[in-house]
């Protein structure tokens, strides 16, 4: 099962994260009326985690058993080719600029283990930490389908999953106000905000939302534009209150889930616009936009420095447009063909 209008939301989340990283002080994103939104746009990663759990159920929720080998091969085919391409681009950049190479971070990135090692989550290609988290989701999902979801109704799992979500929020809140937390960029920060087990709650709640959609909302399309806008406004109001990174462990999952469900059943104007071919394509390249952002911005920065070009706005928009173009090219010529090739190969375990 595929819901095209949700695909475009991935692009919105991806470019918001890019602006959070590089465009916070660039017009028009630095305008006081909207700048606070982009200061919190890293929440797009948490949206990815919830959406990932949701779409996994749309794809596999009809099965009582799935092959772990086939599933993992398909997920590898989907995420790893462009992920490795991003690492290679960064490695070439570091070699070309005679920059020191963090070989430990490189190995951890290649093996998708960086988020498990506090102090190394942001090593090498720093957006890759979320793929390290997603790898846990992928490893757990066959077990969840085969041993949990096939045995228990989703409604039965709501309470234990909600308790897990609450525990992660309380643990994160306690930790950042304790002597354990030493601030951004320290191993303690990674342990709280980037450790994979701190994010499993988001994936699990996304799974439950997927089962709820299949059982209660599938084939019940309706116009939900106003509800989507209302929740969007609610999130914007919530983000006006600057509480730093406290949202980062899935606190807003309980808000993302209604948005995803409302978006999934919507047949109004928002869906019609989001389902345009150009919007679907932008959604398809969103993974590249996210994972290639640091290599692209690093290369453009290096070129600007070489030619002594000092213009922040020009640097940002040149990098941004290059990122979109490279993401489209990598989707067409790397991601899609390699995904098809890898998925066509048989695996025997």
Protein backbone atom coordinates (compact mmCIF):
# COMPACT_ATOMS: atom_id res chain seq x y z
CA UNK A 1 0.00 0.00 0.00
CA UNK A 2 1.34 3.42 -0.97
CA UNK A 3 -0.04 6.85 -0.09
CA UNK A 4 1.44 9.35 -2.53
CA UNK A 5 0.52 12.50 -0.64
CA UNK A 6 2.63 11.43 2.34
CA UNK A 7 5.70 11.21 0.10
CA UNK A 8 5.83 14.98 -0.32
CA UNK A 9 5.85 15.52 3.45
CA UNK A 10 9.26 13.83 3.52
CA UNK A 11 10.60 16.54 1.23
CA UNK A 12 9.18 19.29 3.45
CA UNK A 13 10.82 17.69 6.47
CA UNK A 14 14.13 17.21 4.64
CA UNK A 15 14.49 20.80 3.39
CA UNK A 16 13.43 22.10 6.80
CA UNK A 17 16.31 20.16 8.34
CA UNK A 18 18.70 21.58 5.74
CA UNK A 19 17.54 25.10 6.60
CA UNK A 20 17.95 24.30 10.30
CA UNK A 21 21.57 23.30 9.67
CA UNK A 22 22.62 25.97 7.18
CA UNK A 23 19.96 28.60 6.57
CA UNK A 24 18.82 29.78 9.97
CA UNK A 25 20.43 33.21 9.47
CA UNK A 26 19.62 33.48 5.75
CA UNK A 27 16.66 35.52 4.40
CA UNK A 28 13.78 34.82 4.42
CA UNK A 29 14.25 32.09 7.04
CA UNK A 30 15.68 34.54 9.57
CA UNK A 31 12.54 36.66 9.61
CA UNK A 32 11.30 36.96 13.22
CA UNK A 33 7.85 35.71 12.27
CA UNK A 34 9.13 32.31 11.11
CA UNK A 35 12.73 31.95 12.31
CA UNK A 36 11.72 30.03 15.43
CA UNK A 37 10.19 27.33 13.22
CA UNK A 38 13.50 26.65 11.51
CA UNK A 39 15.39 26.75 14.79
CA UNK A 40 13.33 23.70 15.72
CA UNK A 41 13.24 22.09 12.28
CA UNK A 42 15.51 19.26 13.42
CA UNK A 43 12.22 17.75 14.58
CA UNK A 44 11.90 16.66 10.98
CA UNK A 45 14.14 13.73 11.90
CA UNK A 46 11.63 12.62 14.52
CA UNK A 47 8.88 12.92 11.93
CA UNK A 48 10.94 10.60 9.70
CA UNK A 49 11.11 8.03 12.50
CA UNK A 50 7.35 8.05 13.08
CA UNK A 51 6.58 8.04 9.35
CA UNK A 52 9.01 5.17 8.85
CA UNK A 53 7.11 3.09 11.37
CA UNK A 54 3.82 3.98 9.69
CA UNK A 55 4.84 3.14 6.12
CA UNK A 56 6.49 -0.11 7.19
CA UNK A 57 3.10 -1.32 8.37
CA UNK A 58 1.42 -0.13 5.19
CA UNK A 59 3.91 -2.24 3.27
CA UNK A 60 3.99 -5.32 5.50
CA UNK A 61 1.04 -5.06 7.88
CA UNK A 62 -0.98 -7.57 5.89
CA UNK A 63 1.55 -10.32 6.59
CA UNK A 64 1.68 -12.53 9.66
CA UNK A 65 5.24 -13.53 8.78
CA UNK A 66 7.98 -11.89 6.73
CA UNK A 67 11.40 -13.14 5.70
CA UNK A 68 14.00 -11.25 7.69
CA UNK A 69 16.63 -11.80 4.99
CA UNK A 70 14.44 -10.48 2.19
CA UNK A 71 13.19 -7.56 4.22
CA UNK A 72 16.67 -6.48 5.31
CA UNK A 73 17.97 -6.87 1.76
CA UNK A 74 15.21 -4.60 0.48
CA UNK A 75 15.87 -1.97 3.15
CA UNK A 76 19.60 -2.13 2.43
CA UNK A 77 18.84 -1.64 -1.27
CA UNK A 78 16.73 1.39 -0.44
CA UNK A 79 19.04 3.32 1.87
CA UNK A 80 22.64 2.16 1.53
CA UNK A 81 23.72 3.07 -2.04
CA UNK A 82 23.15 6.82 -1.62
CA UNK A 83 24.32 6.63 1.99
CA UNK A 84 27.64 5.19 0.79
CA UNK A 85 27.77 7.75 -2.04
CA UNK A 86 27.54 10.53 0.56
CA UNK A 87 30.41 9.00 2.54
CA UNK A 88 32.55 8.77 -0.60
CA UNK A 89 31.85 12.42 -1.47
CA UNK A 90 32.95 13.47 1.99
CA UNK A 91 36.03 11.29 1.87
CA UNK A 92 37.05 12.85 -1.45
CA UNK A 93 36.47 16.31 0.00
CA UNK A 94 38.69 15.58 2.98
CA UNK A 95 41.44 14.12 0.81
CA UNK A 96 41.25 17.02 -1.67
CA UNK A 97 41.48 19.59 1.12
CA UNK A 98 44.09 17.67 3.12
CA UNK A 99 41.64 17.55 6.03
CA UNK A 100 42.23 15.09 8.87
CA UNK A 101 40.13 11.94 8.55
CA UNK A 102 38.43 10.39 11.55
CA UNK A 103 38.99 6.75 10.61
CA UNK A 104 37.09 5.46 13.62
CA UNK A 105 34.13 7.62 12.66
CA UNK A 106 34.47 6.48 9.05
CA UNK A 107 34.29 2.80 10.01
CA UNK A 108 31.36 3.44 12.35
CA UNK A 109 29.54 5.33 9.58
CA UNK A 110 30.12 2.60 7.01
CA UNK A 111 28.81 -0.03 9.44
CA UNK A 112 25.90 2.18 10.62
CA UNK A 113 27.06 1.96 14.23
CA UNK A 114 27.92 5.60 14.93
CA UNK A 115 24.82 6.40 17.00
CA UNK A 116 25.63 3.51 19.35
CA UNK A 117 28.92 5.12 20.38
CA UNK A 118 28.44 8.31 22.44
CA UNK A 119 30.72 10.97 21.06
CA UNK A 120 30.66 9.52 17.55
CA UNK A 121 27.05 10.08 16.47
CA UNK A 122 28.04 13.17 14.48
CA UNK A 123 31.29 11.72 13.18
CA UNK A 124 32.03 11.94 9.47
CA UNK A 125 28.67 12.44 7.71
CA UNK A 126 26.72 13.75 10.68
CA UNK A 127 23.16 13.37 9.28
CA UNK A 128 23.96 9.66 9.05
CA UNK A 129 23.31 9.24 12.78
CA UNK A 130 19.61 8.88 12.01
CA UNK A 131 20.35 6.03 9.59
CA UNK A 132 22.18 4.32 12.43
CA UNK A 133 18.96 4.62 14.42
CA UNK A 134 16.86 3.43 11.47
CA UNK A 135 19.09 0.37 11.21
CA UNK A 136 17.83 -0.68 14.64
CA UNK A 137 14.26 -0.27 13.42
CA UNK A 138 14.99 -2.44 10.39
CA UNK A 139 16.62 -5.16 12.47
CA UNK A 140 13.73 -5.19 14.92
CA UNK A 141 10.88 -5.06 12.41
CA UNK A 142 10.86 -8.72 11.23
CA UNK A 143 10.78 -9.84 14.87
CA UNK A 144 7.98 -7.37 15.62
CA UNK A 145 5.87 -8.63 12.73
CA UNK A 146 6.57 -12.33 13.22
CA UNK A 147 6.49 -12.54 17.02
CA UNK A 148 4.56 -9.53 18.31
CA UNK A 149 2.14 -8.06 15.79
CA UNK A 150 1.04 -11.48 14.56
CA UNK A 151 0.22 -12.51 18.14
CA UNK A 152 -1.32 -9.39 19.66
CA UNK A 153 -3.86 -6.86 18.48
CA UNK A 154 -2.52 -3.36 17.97
CA UNK A 155 -4.98 -2.05 20.56
CA UNK A 156 -3.45 -4.39 23.15
CA UNK A 157 0.00 -2.96 22.44
CA UNK A 158 -1.05 0.66 22.81
CA UNK A 159 -0.56 0.79 26.58
CA UNK A 160 2.93 -0.81 26.75
CA UNK A 161 4.14 1.27 23.79
CA UNK A 162 2.72 4.43 25.36
CA UNK A 163 4.49 3.59 28.62
CA UNK A 164 7.76 3.11 26.72
CA UNK A 165 7.24 6.49 25.04
CA UNK A 166 6.57 8.15 28.40
CA UNK A 167 9.63 6.54 29.99
CA UNK A 168 11.93 7.83 27.25
CA UNK A 169 10.55 11.35 27.68
CA UNK A 170 11.00 11.27 31.45
CA UNK A 171 14.49 9.77 31.16
CA UNK A 172 15.60 12.42 28.65
CA UNK A 173 14.09 15.22 30.71
CA UNK A 174 15.78 13.98 33.87
CA UNK A 175 19.13 13.39 32.18
CA UNK A 176 19.47 16.84 30.61
CA UNK A 177 18.87 18.49 33.99
CA UNK A 178 21.31 16.23 35.84
CA UNK A 179 25.07 16.39 36.25
CA UNK A 180 25.31 13.63 33.63
CA UNK A 181 24.59 16.09 30.82
CA UNK A 182 27.67 18.06 29.75
CA UNK A 183 26.15 19.93 26.81
CA UNK A 184 25.96 19.76 23.03
CA UNK A 185 28.85 18.00 21.32
CA UNK A 186 29.66 15.78 24.29
CA UNK A 187 29.16 12.01 24.62
CA UNK A 188 26.40 12.71 27.15
CA UNK A 189 24.46 14.63 24.49
CA UNK A 190 24.70 11.70 22.08
CA UNK A 191 23.63 9.27 24.80
CA UNK A 192 20.45 11.25 25.42
CA UNK A 193 19.48 12.52 21.99
CA UNK A 194 21.02 10.17 19.43
CA UNK A 195 21.21 6.75 21.07
CA UNK A 196 19.02 4.38 19.01
CA UNK A 197 17.10 2.91 21.95
CA UNK A 198 15.91 6.42 22.86
CA UNK A 199 14.08 6.61 19.53
CA UNK A 200 12.53 3.15 19.21
CA UNK A 201 9.35 4.56 20.79
CA UNK A 202 8.76 6.75 17.73
CA UNK A 203 8.99 3.83 15.33
CA UNK A 204 6.70 1.66 17.46
CA UNK A 205 4.05 4.37 17.73
CA UNK A 206 4.28 4.79 13.96
CA UNK A 207 3.66 1.04 13.65
CA UNK A 208 0.52 1.28 15.77
CA UNK A 209 -0.68 4.23 13.70
CA UNK A 210 -0.19 2.10 10.59
CA UNK A 211 -2.30 -0.72 11.98
CA UNK A 212 -4.97 1.75 13.07
CA UNK A 213 -5.08 3.17 9.55
CA UNK A 214 -5.37 -0.27 7.94
CA UNK A 215 -8.10 -1.43 10.32
CA UNK A 216 -10.12 1.75 10.82
CA UNK A 217 -9.40 4.32 8.13
CA UNK A 218 -8.42 2.51 4.94
CA UNK A 219 -10.82 3.33 2.06
CA UNK A 220 -12.47 6.05 4.16
CA UNK A 221 -11.22 9.10 2.31
CA UNK A 222 -12.51 12.47 3.42
CA UNK A 223 -11.55 16.12 3.32
CA UNK A 224 -9.34 16.88 6.31
CA UNK A 225 -7.56 20.02 5.09
CA UNK A 226 -8.78 22.17 7.97
CA UNK A 227 -7.76 19.61 10.58
CA UNK A 228 -4.27 19.32 9.07
CA UNK A 229 -3.90 23.10 9.07
CA UNK A 230 -5.18 23.29 12.65
CA UNK A 231 -2.59 20.79 13.89
CA UNK A 232 0.10 22.57 11.89
CA UNK A 233 -0.83 25.84 13.60
CA UNK A 234 -0.82 24.07 16.96
CA UNK A 235 2.73 22.79 16.36
CA UNK A 236 3.83 26.27 15.29
CA UNK A 237 2.44 27.72 18.52
CA UNK A 238 4.10 25.00 20.62
CA UNK A 239 7.46 25.67 18.97
CA UNK A 240 7.25 29.34 19.94
CA UNK A 241 8.21 28.24 23.43
CA UNK A 242 11.95 27.67 23.29
CA UNK A 243 12.73 24.62 25.37
CA UNK A 244 15.77 23.59 23.38
CA UNK A 245 16.12 19.93 22.41
CA UNK A 246 13.53 18.48 24.78
CA UNK A 247 11.29 17.59 21.83
CA UNK A 248 14.01 15.51 20.20
CA UNK A 249 13.21 12.07 21.63
CA UNK A 250 9.72 11.75 20.26
CA UNK A 251 7.75 14.10 22.48
CA UNK A 252 5.80 15.35 19.46
CA UNK A 253 5.08 11.85 18.16
CA UNK A 254 1.60 12.18 19.62
CA UNK A 255 1.11 15.17 17.32
CA UNK A 256 2.86 13.75 14.25
CA UNK A 257 0.63 10.67 14.29
CA UNK A 258 -2.66 12.61 13.85
CA UNK A 259 -1.07 14.62 11.04
CA UNK A 260 0.04 11.45 9.26
CA UNK A 261 -3.38 9.82 9.67
CA UNK A 262 -5.25 12.93 8.55
CA UNK A 263 -2.92 13.33 5.60
CA UNK A 264 -3.35 9.65 4.69
CA UNK A 265 -7.17 9.81 4.52
CA UNK A 266 -7.38 13.30 3.05
CA UNK A 267 -8.80 13.83 -0.43
CA UNK A 268 -8.89 17.62 -0.26
CA UNK A 269 -6.82 20.39 -1.77
CA UNK A 270 -3.69 19.56 0.25
CA UNK A 271 -3.69 16.01 -1.10
CA UNK A 272 -4.33 17.13 -4.67
CA UNK A 273 -1.34 19.47 -4.49
CA UNK A 274 0.87 16.95 -2.69
CA UNK A 275 0.03 14.28 -5.27
CA UNK A 276 1.23 16.32 -8.24
CA UNK A 277 4.00 14.47 -10.12
CA UNK A 278 6.58 17.13 -9.26
CA UNK A 279 5.71 16.89 -5.55
CA UNK A 280 5.91 13.11 -5.57
CA UNK A 281 9.31 13.30 -7.28
CA UNK A 282 10.56 15.79 -4.70
CA UNK A 283 9.39 13.41 -2.01
CA UNK A 284 11.25 10.55 -3.67
CA UNK A 285 14.53 12.50 -3.71
CA UNK A 286 14.10 13.69 -0.11
CA UNK A 287 16.34 10.95 1.25
CA UNK A 288 19.16 12.23 -0.95
CA UNK A 289 18.43 15.80 0.14
CA UNK A 290 18.85 14.73 3.74
CA UNK A 291 21.87 12.44 3.55
CA UNK A 292 23.83 14.45 0.95
CA UNK A 293 23.46 17.84 2.62
CA UNK A 294 26.77 17.86 4.48
CA UNK A 295 28.91 16.62 1.54
CA UNK A 296 27.33 19.17 -0.83
CA UNK A 297 27.60 22.13 1.54
CA UNK A 298 31.18 21.12 2.38
CA UNK A 299 32.22 20.96 -1.28
CA UNK A 300 30.56 24.28 -2.15
CA UNK A 301 32.17 25.90 0.89
CA UNK A 302 35.56 24.61 -0.23
CA UNK A 303 35.06 26.01 -3.72
CA UNK A 304 33.93 29.38 -2.35
CA UNK A 305 36.99 29.54 -0.12
CA UNK A 306 39.28 28.64 -3.02
CA UNK A 307 37.95 31.56 -5.06
CA UNK A 308 37.68 33.81 -1.99
CA UNK A 309 33.93 34.27 -2.40
CA UNK A 310 32.50 35.61 0.85
CA UNK A 311 28.75 35.87 0.52
CA UNK A 312 26.62 33.89 2.97
CA UNK A 313 23.36 34.08 1.03
CA UNK A 314 25.04 33.09 -2.25
CA UNK A 315 26.79 30.21 -0.49
CA UNK A 316 23.56 28.90 1.00
CA UNK A 317 21.43 29.11 -2.13
CA UNK A 318 24.19 27.76 -4.39
CA UNK A 319 24.60 24.81 -2.03
CA UNK A 320 20.84 24.34 -1.70
CA UNK A 321 20.20 24.24 -5.45
CA UNK A 322 23.21 21.99 -5.98
CA UNK A 323 21.84 19.67 -3.30
CA UNK A 324 18.44 19.42 -5.00
CA UNK A 325 20.06 18.78 -8.39
CA UNK A 326 22.49 16.17 -7.05
CA UNK A 327 19.70 14.45 -5.11
CA UNK A 328 17.63 14.20 -8.28
CA UNK A 329 20.59 12.81 -10.22
CA UNK A 330 21.56 10.35 -7.51
CA UNK A 331 17.96 9.17 -7.22
CA UNK A 332 17.76 8.59 -10.96
CA UNK A 333 21.19 7.13 -11.64
CA UNK A 334 22.32 5.61 -8.33
CA UNK A 335 19.46 4.95 -5.94
CA UNK A 336 16.83 3.59 -8.34
CA UNK A 337 19.00 1.31 -10.52
CA UNK A 338 21.01 -0.06 -7.59
CA UNK A 339 17.85 -0.65 -5.56
CA UNK A 340 16.37 -2.67 -8.41
CA UNK A 341 19.60 -4.60 -8.89
CA UNK A 342 20.08 -5.47 -5.22
CA UNK A 343 16.43 -6.44 -4.76
CA UNK A 344 16.69 -8.77 -7.75
CA UNK A 345 19.55 -10.70 -6.14
CA UNK A 346 18.61 -13.75 -4.10
CA UNK A 347 19.87 -14.22 -0.55
CA UNK A 348 20.26 -17.62 1.04
CA UNK A 349 20.82 -17.86 4.78
